[in-house]
């Protein structure tokens, strides 16, 4: 017994050492992602340039323009750090993003506000549309912070009065709050939300105007009505489509990887047709299991497809898999699933990784029976095998760090019984 415990401790020490070495070499978090850096620099640059242009239009001297830039720059740098932290902490709805969709929306929002200020008075600035644009990224705090930076550049440079400034910030807050409701609303609810959005965009600017001038003109009412209509149309009809476009970045990333035309797929086929068929089977099972509990089906499908990709290069499966992931620029969550292969070095840390591990464990048991020449006499026997496999996995505690609940664990088990 002492020898067995000693041997087990030695194996654990070797695994810990191996884990540190692999994480140091391959963990993508410790490397700067060039595209993310470029997108962040674009956001900061556009913000500072817009602030300087507003200051110039506001009639400020060179010193005033410089001061405007110095005010906005620390705000932008703080915003960039906040955006990076949100992604690394997993609070972005898609934390493998390269920030490209948000950067595009940010530049459009900044340009839209700048151009329209040539034609509209500051109290009618379309900040609700700006906030709704940024809300398509589906992170309310990030959208609100970005909107505030854009509004701050505008009001500082043009010297808007206090009432207008307060109204503009209120409009941005309301727009961001409404965006979440609009995105999830049905047809009947959207009709009500369109009226609500238009009402807010009509009433608030006019209120700010009245507080500033103590009077309203007919042109104010006309401009406010036109802007309210445009905001409602964008929010209810166009914004959901823009949100869908942002979501395609995630789907495209994983769908490209699992597509049959992807070069790495051909390498797996050349290595072994049987291994390719097994990988596809694991991928499909993982996708369906992820759909069952609302996890990311695309990530699970990719994780299942490449779970054993290290085999094509040698016996050190995890080492080889990390090399392949780095060479192909795999997203970080997918790389983590490959690193957590069979829980040898690290237990699954995400629901998707746990799903792939469960499906792989069940397939292994079925393959073991097949290799022995035994056949399942009935679906009932196969069901009992799956139940036994999940019971063993549950007792092992391997999914304690994955975020999988007991209810989700049982739903995945029942889904695999149906599929297999």
Protein backbone atom coordinates (compact mmCIF):
# COMPACT_ATOMS: atom_id res chain seq x y z
CA UNK A 1 0.00 0.00 0.00
CA UNK A 2 2.82 2.41 0.85
CA UNK A 3 4.49 1.72 -2.48
CA UNK A 4 1.22 2.33 -4.30
CA UNK A 5 0.67 5.66 -2.53
CA UNK A 6 4.25 6.68 -3.22
CA UNK A 7 3.87 5.80 -6.89
CA UNK A 8 0.59 7.73 -7.08
CA UNK A 9 2.21 10.81 -5.52
CA UNK A 10 5.07 10.60 -8.02
CA UNK A 11 2.58 10.41 -10.89
CA UNK A 12 0.69 13.43 -9.54
CA UNK A 13 3.92 15.42 -9.20
CA UNK A 14 4.87 14.57 -12.77
CA UNK A 15 1.41 15.61 -13.96
CA UNK A 16 1.62 18.91 -12.03
CA UNK A 17 5.05 19.66 -13.50
CA UNK A 18 3.81 18.78 -16.98
CA UNK A 19 0.76 21.02 -16.49
CA UNK A 20 2.90 24.03 -15.54
CA UNK A 21 5.20 23.46 -18.52
CA UNK A 22 2.36 23.12 -21.03
CA UNK A 23 0.40 26.07 -19.66
CA UNK A 24 3.49 28.24 -19.78
CA UNK A 25 4.18 27.25 -23.36
CA UNK A 26 0.75 27.11 -24.91
CA UNK A 27 -1.79 29.08 -22.86
CA UNK A 28 -3.03 31.75 -25.22
CA UNK A 29 -3.99 34.18 -22.46
CA UNK A 30 -0.36 35.07 -21.83
CA UNK A 31 0.16 36.13 -25.43
CA UNK A 32 -1.01 39.38 -26.98
CA UNK A 33 -3.45 38.78 -29.78
CA UNK A 34 -2.37 41.09 -32.66
CA UNK A 35 -5.89 41.60 -34.01
CA UNK A 36 -7.29 42.47 -30.59
CA UNK A 37 -4.44 44.95 -30.07
CA UNK A 38 -5.16 46.53 -33.45
CA UNK A 39 -8.90 46.84 -32.73
CA UNK A 40 -8.21 48.39 -29.32
CA UNK A 41 -5.81 50.92 -30.85
CA UNK A 42 -8.45 51.84 -33.45
CA UNK A 43 -11.07 52.49 -30.75
CA UNK A 44 -8.70 54.70 -28.76
CA UNK A 45 -7.46 56.57 -31.85
CA UNK A 46 -10.96 57.25 -33.19
CA UNK A 47 -12.09 58.53 -29.79
CA UNK A 48 -9.16 60.93 -29.41
CA UNK A 49 -9.44 62.20 -33.00
CA UNK A 50 -13.20 62.77 -32.60
CA UNK A 51 -12.60 64.67 -29.35
CA UNK A 52 -10.07 66.93 -31.05
CA UNK A 53 -12.42 67.58 -33.99
CA UNK A 54 -15.27 68.48 -31.65
CA UNK A 55 -12.98 70.85 -29.76
CA UNK A 56 -11.85 72.45 -33.03
CA UNK A 57 -15.45 72.88 -34.16
CA UNK A 58 -16.28 74.38 -30.80
CA UNK A 59 -13.80 77.17 -31.46
CA UNK A 60 -11.20 76.11 -28.90
CA UNK A 61 -7.60 77.15 -29.38
CA UNK A 62 -4.74 74.67 -29.72
CA UNK A 63 -4.43 74.42 -25.95
CA UNK A 64 -8.14 73.64 -25.64
CA UNK A 65 -7.92 70.93 -28.31
CA UNK A 66 -4.95 69.40 -26.47
CA UNK A 67 -6.81 69.50 -23.16
CA UNK A 68 -9.79 67.78 -24.79
CA UNK A 69 -7.50 64.97 -25.99
CA UNK A 70 -5.91 64.66 -22.56
CA UNK A 71 -9.35 64.32 -20.96
CA UNK A 72 -10.56 61.62 -23.36
CA UNK A 73 -7.32 59.61 -23.58
CA UNK A 74 -7.32 58.26 -19.98
CA UNK A 75 -11.03 57.46 -20.35
CA UNK A 76 -10.27 55.43 -23.47
CA UNK A 77 -7.32 53.62 -21.90
CA UNK A 78 -9.43 52.71 -18.89
CA UNK A 79 -12.20 51.54 -21.21
CA UNK A 80 -9.73 49.34 -23.12
CA UNK A 81 -8.51 47.74 -19.88
CA UNK A 82 -12.11 47.20 -18.80
CA UNK A 83 -12.96 45.56 -22.14
CA UNK A 84 -9.96 43.23 -21.87
CA UNK A 85 -10.87 42.30 -18.30
CA UNK A 86 -14.49 41.60 -19.27
CA UNK A 87 -13.32 39.19 -21.95
CA UNK A 88 -10.77 37.42 -19.78
CA UNK A 89 -13.28 37.10 -16.94
CA UNK A 90 -15.78 35.44 -19.26
CA UNK A 91 -18.38 38.20 -18.95
CA UNK A 92 -18.48 38.99 -22.64
CA UNK A 93 -21.15 36.97 -24.41
CA UNK A 94 -18.43 35.77 -26.76
CA UNK A 95 -15.06 35.82 -25.00
CA UNK A 96 -13.04 34.56 -27.97
CA UNK A 97 -13.94 37.71 -29.88
CA UNK A 98 -11.28 39.75 -31.60
CA UNK A 99 -13.28 42.95 -30.85
CA UNK A 100 -13.81 43.48 -34.56
CA UNK A 101 -17.64 43.73 -34.47
CA UNK A 102 -17.54 46.10 -31.50
CA UNK A 103 -14.86 48.23 -33.15
CA UNK A 104 -16.90 48.50 -36.36
CA UNK A 105 -20.00 49.51 -34.40
CA UNK A 106 -18.00 51.98 -32.30
CA UNK A 107 -16.51 53.70 -35.36
CA UNK A 108 -19.95 53.88 -37.03
CA UNK A 109 -21.50 55.31 -33.86
CA UNK A 110 -18.77 57.91 -33.46
CA UNK A 111 -18.97 58.91 -37.14
CA UNK A 112 -22.78 59.04 -37.14
CA UNK A 113 -22.90 61.40 -34.17
CA UNK A 114 -20.14 63.61 -35.58
CA UNK A 115 -21.77 63.97 -39.02
CA UNK A 116 -25.27 64.63 -37.70
CA UNK A 117 -24.07 67.38 -35.39
CA UNK A 118 -23.57 69.49 -38.53
CA UNK A 119 -27.32 69.31 -39.18
CA UNK A 120 -28.92 68.96 -35.74
CA UNK A 121 -28.70 71.06 -32.58
CA UNK A 122 -26.85 69.39 -29.72
CA UNK A 123 -30.01 68.66 -27.71
CA UNK A 124 -31.28 66.53 -30.64
CA UNK A 125 -28.09 64.51 -30.98
CA UNK A 126 -29.02 60.87 -31.79
CA UNK A 127 -27.34 59.37 -28.73
CA UNK A 128 -30.08 56.74 -28.36
CA UNK A 129 -29.19 55.32 -31.76
CA UNK A 130 -25.50 55.44 -30.78
CA UNK A 131 -26.21 53.49 -27.58
CA UNK A 132 -28.42 50.99 -29.42
CA UNK A 133 -25.65 50.42 -31.95
CA UNK A 134 -23.13 49.56 -29.25
CA UNK A 135 -25.71 47.43 -27.43
CA UNK A 136 -25.62 44.93 -30.29
CA UNK A 137 -22.50 43.52 -28.62
CA UNK A 138 -24.80 42.39 -25.78
CA UNK A 139 -22.77 43.63 -22.85
CA UNK A 140 -24.73 46.41 -21.20
CA UNK A 141 -21.92 47.83 -19.09
CA UNK A 142 -19.53 47.87 -22.03
CA UNK A 143 -22.15 49.48 -24.29
CA UNK A 144 -23.00 52.13 -21.72
CA UNK A 145 -19.36 52.97 -21.04
CA UNK A 146 -18.60 53.28 -24.76
CA UNK A 147 -21.65 55.51 -25.24
CA UNK A 148 -20.55 57.76 -22.37
CA UNK A 149 -17.10 58.23 -23.94
CA UNK A 150 -18.64 59.20 -27.28
CA UNK A 151 -21.08 61.62 -25.59
CA UNK A 152 -18.31 63.10 -23.43
CA UNK A 153 -16.19 63.91 -26.51
CA UNK A 154 -19.19 65.68 -28.00
CA UNK A 155 -20.39 67.72 -25.01
CA UNK A 156 -16.89 68.76 -23.86
CA UNK A 157 -15.84 69.94 -27.29
CA UNK A 158 -19.02 71.81 -28.24
CA UNK A 159 -19.68 73.17 -24.75
CA UNK A 160 -23.23 71.87 -24.29
CA UNK A 161 -25.19 73.27 -21.37
CA UNK A 162 -25.82 71.29 -18.20
CA UNK A 163 -29.45 70.40 -19.00
CA UNK A 164 -28.53 69.02 -22.41
CA UNK A 165 -25.66 66.99 -20.98
CA UNK A 166 -27.90 65.38 -18.36
CA UNK A 167 -30.59 64.55 -20.92
CA UNK A 168 -28.09 62.99 -23.34
CA UNK A 169 -26.67 60.73 -20.64
CA UNK A 170 -30.18 59.73 -19.57
CA UNK A 171 -31.05 58.84 -23.17
CA UNK A 172 -27.98 56.60 -23.41
CA UNK A 173 -28.82 54.77 -20.18
CA UNK A 174 -32.44 54.19 -21.23
CA UNK A 175 -31.39 53.00 -24.70
CA UNK A 176 -28.96 50.42 -23.30
CA UNK A 177 -31.59 49.14 -20.86
CA UNK A 178 -34.22 48.91 -23.59
CA UNK A 179 -31.88 47.09 -25.97
CA UNK A 180 -31.90 43.89 -23.91
CA UNK A 181 -35.69 43.90 -23.75
CA UNK A 182 -36.09 44.63 -27.47
CA UNK A 183 -33.71 41.83 -28.52
CA UNK A 184 -35.68 39.21 -26.60
CA UNK A 185 -39.17 40.57 -27.30
CA UNK A 186 -41.78 38.96 -29.52
CA UNK A 187 -43.75 40.69 -32.30
CA UNK A 188 -46.55 42.08 -30.13
CA UNK A 189 -44.14 43.28 -27.45
CA UNK A 190 -41.93 44.97 -30.03
CA UNK A 191 -44.85 47.13 -31.17
CA UNK A 192 -45.20 48.42 -27.61
CA UNK A 193 -41.42 48.88 -27.27
CA UNK A 194 -41.27 50.86 -30.51
CA UNK A 195 -43.85 53.30 -29.11
CA UNK A 196 -41.93 53.50 -25.84
CA UNK A 197 -38.61 54.11 -27.59
CA UNK A 198 -40.12 56.82 -29.78
CA UNK A 199 -41.75 58.48 -26.75
CA UNK A 200 -38.48 58.62 -24.83
CA UNK A 201 -36.59 60.02 -27.83
CA UNK A 202 -39.33 62.62 -28.39
CA UNK A 203 -39.90 63.79 -24.81
CA UNK A 204 -36.40 63.90 -23.31
CA UNK A 205 -34.72 66.19 -25.89
CA UNK A 206 -37.64 68.61 -25.80
CA UNK A 207 -37.52 68.64 -22.00
CA UNK A 208 -33.83 69.51 -22.08
CA UNK A 209 -34.53 72.22 -24.65
CA UNK A 210 -37.28 73.72 -22.54
CA UNK A 211 -35.16 73.76 -19.38
CA UNK A 212 -32.40 75.56 -21.29
CA UNK A 213 -34.49 78.12 -23.26
CA UNK A 214 -37.79 78.09 -21.34
CA UNK A 215 -39.57 77.85 -24.68
CA UNK A 216 -40.20 75.45 -27.57
CA UNK A 217 -40.55 76.20 -31.25
CA UNK A 218 -42.47 74.34 -33.92
CA UNK A 219 -39.26 73.19 -35.61
CA UNK A 220 -38.16 71.60 -32.33
CA UNK A 221 -41.28 69.44 -32.33
CA UNK A 222 -40.83 68.45 -35.97
CA UNK A 223 -37.16 67.51 -35.60
CA UNK A 224 -37.86 65.61 -32.38
CA UNK A 225 -40.68 63.65 -34.04
CA UNK A 226 -38.49 62.69 -37.01
CA UNK A 227 -35.66 61.59 -34.74
CA UNK A 228 -38.04 59.64 -32.49
CA UNK A 229 -39.43 57.76 -35.49
CA UNK A 230 -35.96 56.97 -36.82
CA UNK A 231 -34.81 55.72 -33.40
CA UNK A 232 -37.85 53.46 -32.99
CA UNK A 233 -37.36 52.00 -36.48
CA UNK A 234 -33.70 51.30 -35.84
CA UNK A 235 -34.25 49.86 -32.38
CA UNK A 236 -37.11 47.51 -33.24
CA UNK A 237 -36.41 46.57 -36.86
CA UNK A 238 -32.71 47.03 -37.56
CA UNK A 239 -30.95 46.42 -34.24
CA UNK A 240 -31.94 42.71 -34.01
CA UNK A 241 -30.38 42.17 -37.45
CA UNK A 242 -27.18 43.95 -36.37
CA UNK A 243 -27.09 41.81 -33.22
CA UNK A 244 -27.35 38.73 -35.43
CA UNK A 245 -24.44 39.97 -37.52
CA UNK A 246 -22.32 40.34 -34.39
CA UNK A 247 -23.25 36.80 -33.37
CA UNK A 248 -22.07 35.40 -36.68
CA UNK A 249 -18.46 36.07 -35.67
CA UNK A 250 -18.73 33.30 -33.06
CA UNK A 251 -20.52 30.87 -35.32
CA UNK A 252 -18.16 31.52 -38.23
CA UNK A 253 -15.11 30.94 -36.06
CA UNK A 254 -16.12 27.43 -34.99
CA UNK A 255 -18.01 26.46 -38.13
CA UNK A 256 -14.91 27.17 -40.19
CA UNK A 257 -12.87 24.88 -37.96
CA UNK A 258 -15.32 21.98 -38.16
CA UNK A 259 -16.03 22.32 -41.87
CA UNK A 260 -14.84 19.42 -44.03
CA UNK A 261 -12.80 21.83 -46.17
CA UNK A 262 -10.64 22.84 -43.19
CA UNK A 263 -7.08 21.58 -43.87
CA UNK A 264 -6.66 19.91 -40.49
CA UNK A 265 -9.64 17.65 -41.21
CA UNK A 266 -7.76 16.18 -44.17
CA UNK A 267 -4.79 15.43 -41.89
CA UNK A 268 -7.07 13.45 -39.57
CA UNK A 269 -8.52 11.51 -42.53
CA UNK A 270 -5.05 10.66 -43.81
CA UNK A 271 -4.00 9.50 -40.36
CA UNK A 272 -6.97 7.15 -39.96
CA UNK A 273 -10.42 6.93 -41.52
CA UNK A 274 -11.67 5.23 -38.34
CA UNK A 275 -10.31 8.05 -36.18
CA UNK A 276 -12.03 10.60 -38.41
CA UNK A 277 -15.37 8.79 -38.13
CA UNK A 278 -14.99 8.61 -34.36
CA UNK A 279 -14.13 12.31 -34.17
CA UNK A 280 -17.20 13.21 -36.22
CA UNK A 281 -19.39 11.03 -34.02
CA UNK A 282 -18.04 12.67 -30.87
CA UNK A 283 -18.53 16.10 -32.44
CA UNK A 284 -22.19 15.47 -33.26
CA UNK A 285 -22.93 14.00 -29.83
CA UNK A 286 -21.24 16.93 -28.10
CA UNK A 287 -23.19 19.44 -30.20
CA UNK A 288 -26.54 17.82 -29.35
CA UNK A 289 -25.67 17.52 -25.67
CA UNK A 290 -24.69 21.21 -25.58
CA UNK A 291 -27.97 22.18 -27.21
CA UNK A 292 -29.80 20.19 -24.55
CA UNK A 293 -28.53 22.42 -21.70
CA UNK A 294 -28.03 25.71 -23.55
CA UNK A 295 -24.23 25.54 -23.72
CA UNK A 296 -22.31 26.71 -26.81
CA UNK A 297 -23.01 23.97 -29.41
CA UNK A 298 -20.36 25.23 -31.86
CA UNK A 299 -17.62 25.15 -29.25
CA UNK A 300 -18.69 21.69 -28.08
CA UNK A 301 -18.77 20.40 -31.66
CA UNK A 302 -15.27 21.71 -32.34
CA UNK A 303 -14.02 20.32 -29.03
CA UNK A 304 -15.41 16.89 -29.86
CA UNK A 305 -13.95 16.89 -33.35
CA UNK A 306 -10.41 17.72 -32.20
CA UNK A 307 -10.46 16.09 -28.78
CA UNK A 308 -7.94 13.43 -29.85
CA UNK A 309 -6.18 15.43 -32.56
CA UNK A 310 -2.84 14.98 -30.79
CA UNK A 311 -2.86 11.33 -31.85
CA UNK A 312 -1.96 12.26 -35.41
CA UNK A 313 1.50 13.44 -34.29
CA UNK A 314 2.56 11.04 -31.56
CA UNK A 315 2.00 9.48 -28.18
CA UNK A 316 2.08 12.72 -26.17
CA UNK A 317 -1.45 13.59 -27.12
CA UNK A 318 -1.87 16.76 -25.08
CA UNK A 319 1.53 18.21 -26.05
CA UNK A 320 0.85 17.54 -29.71
CA UNK A 321 -2.71 18.88 -29.47
CA UNK A 322 -1.44 22.14 -27.96
CA UNK A 323 1.08 22.50 -30.78
CA UNK A 324 -1.63 21.94 -33.39
CA UNK A 325 -3.96 24.40 -31.63
CA UNK A 326 -1.26 27.09 -31.59
CA UNK A 327 -0.37 26.51 -35.25
CA UNK A 328 -4.01 26.80 -36.34
CA UNK A 329 -4.87 29.74 -34.09
CA UNK A 330 -7.65 27.89 -32.27
CA UNK A 331 -9.88 30.02 -30.01
CA UNK A 332 -8.90 29.97 -26.36
CA UNK A 333 -11.87 27.98 -25.10
CA UNK A 334 -11.28 25.29 -27.69
CA UNK A 335 -7.60 25.12 -26.76
CA UNK A 336 -8.64 24.72 -23.12
CA UNK A 337 -10.84 21.71 -24.00
CA UNK A 338 -7.89 20.03 -25.72
CA UNK A 339 -5.67 20.81 -22.75
CA UNK A 340 -8.24 19.20 -20.42
CA UNK A 341 -8.25 15.99 -22.47
CA UNK A 342 -9.65 13.15 -20.32
CA UNK A 343 -8.95 15.24 -17.24
CA UNK A 344 -5.35 13.96 -17.21
CA UNK A 345 -3.73 17.29 -16.43
CA UNK A 346 -6.65 19.49 -15.48
CA UNK A 347 -10.30 18.75 -14.80
CA UNK A 348 -12.84 20.31 -17.20
CA UNK A 349 -13.35 23.98 -16.37
CA UNK A 350 -16.27 24.76 -18.71
CA UNK A 351 -19.59 23.14 -19.48
CA UNK A 352 -18.49 22.48 -23.06
CA UNK A 353 -15.30 20.74 -21.91
CA UNK A 354 -17.32 18.61 -19.49
CA UNK A 355 -19.78 17.68 -22.26
CA UNK A 356 -17.00 16.53 -24.58
CA UNK A 357 -15.44 14.52 -21.76
CA UNK A 358 -18.78 12.81 -20.98
CA UNK A 359 -19.45 11.92 -24.60
CA UNK A 360 -15.91 10.65 -25.09
CA UNK A 361 -16.16 8.50 -21.95
CA UNK A 362 -19.36 6.86 -23.17
CA UNK A 363 -17.93 6.23 -26.66
CA UNK A 364 -14.83 4.67 -25.08
CA UNK A 365 -16.97 2.18 -23.18
CA UNK A 366 -18.97 1.31 -26.26
CA UNK A 367 -15.77 0.90 -28.29
CA UNK A 368 -14.29 -1.36 -25.60
CA UNK A 369 -17.29 -3.70 -25.83
CA UNK A 370 -17.08 -3.66 -29.62
CA UNK A 371 -13.38 -4.59 -29.58
CA UNK A 372 -14.15 -7.59 -27.38
CA UNK A 373 -16.58 -8.82 -29.98
CA UNK A 374 -19.56 -8.42 -27.65
CA UNK A 375 -22.74 -6.94 -29.02
CA UNK A 376 -25.44 -5.05 -27.19
CA UNK A 377 -28.40 -7.39 -27.03
CA UNK A 378 -30.87 -4.56 -26.65
CA UNK A 379 -31.24 -0.83 -26.29
CA UNK A 380 -31.93 -1.45 -22.61
CA UNK A 381 -28.42 -2.85 -22.11
CA UNK A 382 -26.90 0.16 -23.85
CA UNK A 383 -28.94 2.44 -21.63
CA UNK A 384 -27.66 0.68 -18.54
CA UNK A 385 -24.07 1.04 -19.78
CA UNK A 386 -24.54 4.80 -20.26
CA UNK A 387 -26.17 5.09 -16.83
CA UNK A 388 -23.26 3.23 -15.26
CA UNK A 389 -20.73 5.42 -17.07
CA UNK A 390 -22.41 8.61 -15.84
CA UNK A 391 -22.69 7.22 -12.34
CA UNK A 392 -18.93 6.56 -12.28
CA UNK A 393 -18.20 10.04 -13.63
CA UNK A 394 -20.45 11.63 -11.02
CA UNK A 395 -18.72 9.79 -8.18
CA UNK A 396 -15.29 10.83 -9.48
CA UNK A 397 -16.05 14.54 -8.99
CA UNK A 398 -14.29 15.38 -12.24
CA UNK A 399 -16.88 18.00 -13.20
CA UNK A 400 -16.82 19.95 -9.95
CA UNK A 401 -15.07 22.92 -11.65
CA UNK A 402 -17.08 22.88 -14.88
CA UNK A 403 -20.25 24.69 -13.81
CA UNK A 404 -22.44 21.72 -14.79
CA UNK A 405 -25.44 21.39 -12.47
CA UNK A 406 -26.90 18.03 -11.42
CA UNK A 407 -30.00 18.69 -13.50
CA UNK A 408 -27.90 19.46 -16.60
CA UNK A 409 -25.77 16.37 -15.95
CA UNK A 410 -28.88 14.17 -15.96
CA UNK A 411 -30.31 15.85 -19.07
CA UNK A 412 -27.07 15.18 -20.95
CA UNK A 413 -27.18 11.55 -19.86
CA UNK A 414 -30.75 11.14 -21.07
CA UNK A 415 -29.93 12.84 -24.37
CA UNK A 416 -27.05 10.44 -25.01
CA UNK A 417 -29.35 7.50 -24.28
CA UNK A 418 -31.65 8.76 -27.04
CA UNK A 419 -28.83 9.44 -29.50
CA UNK A 420 -26.92 6.22 -28.99
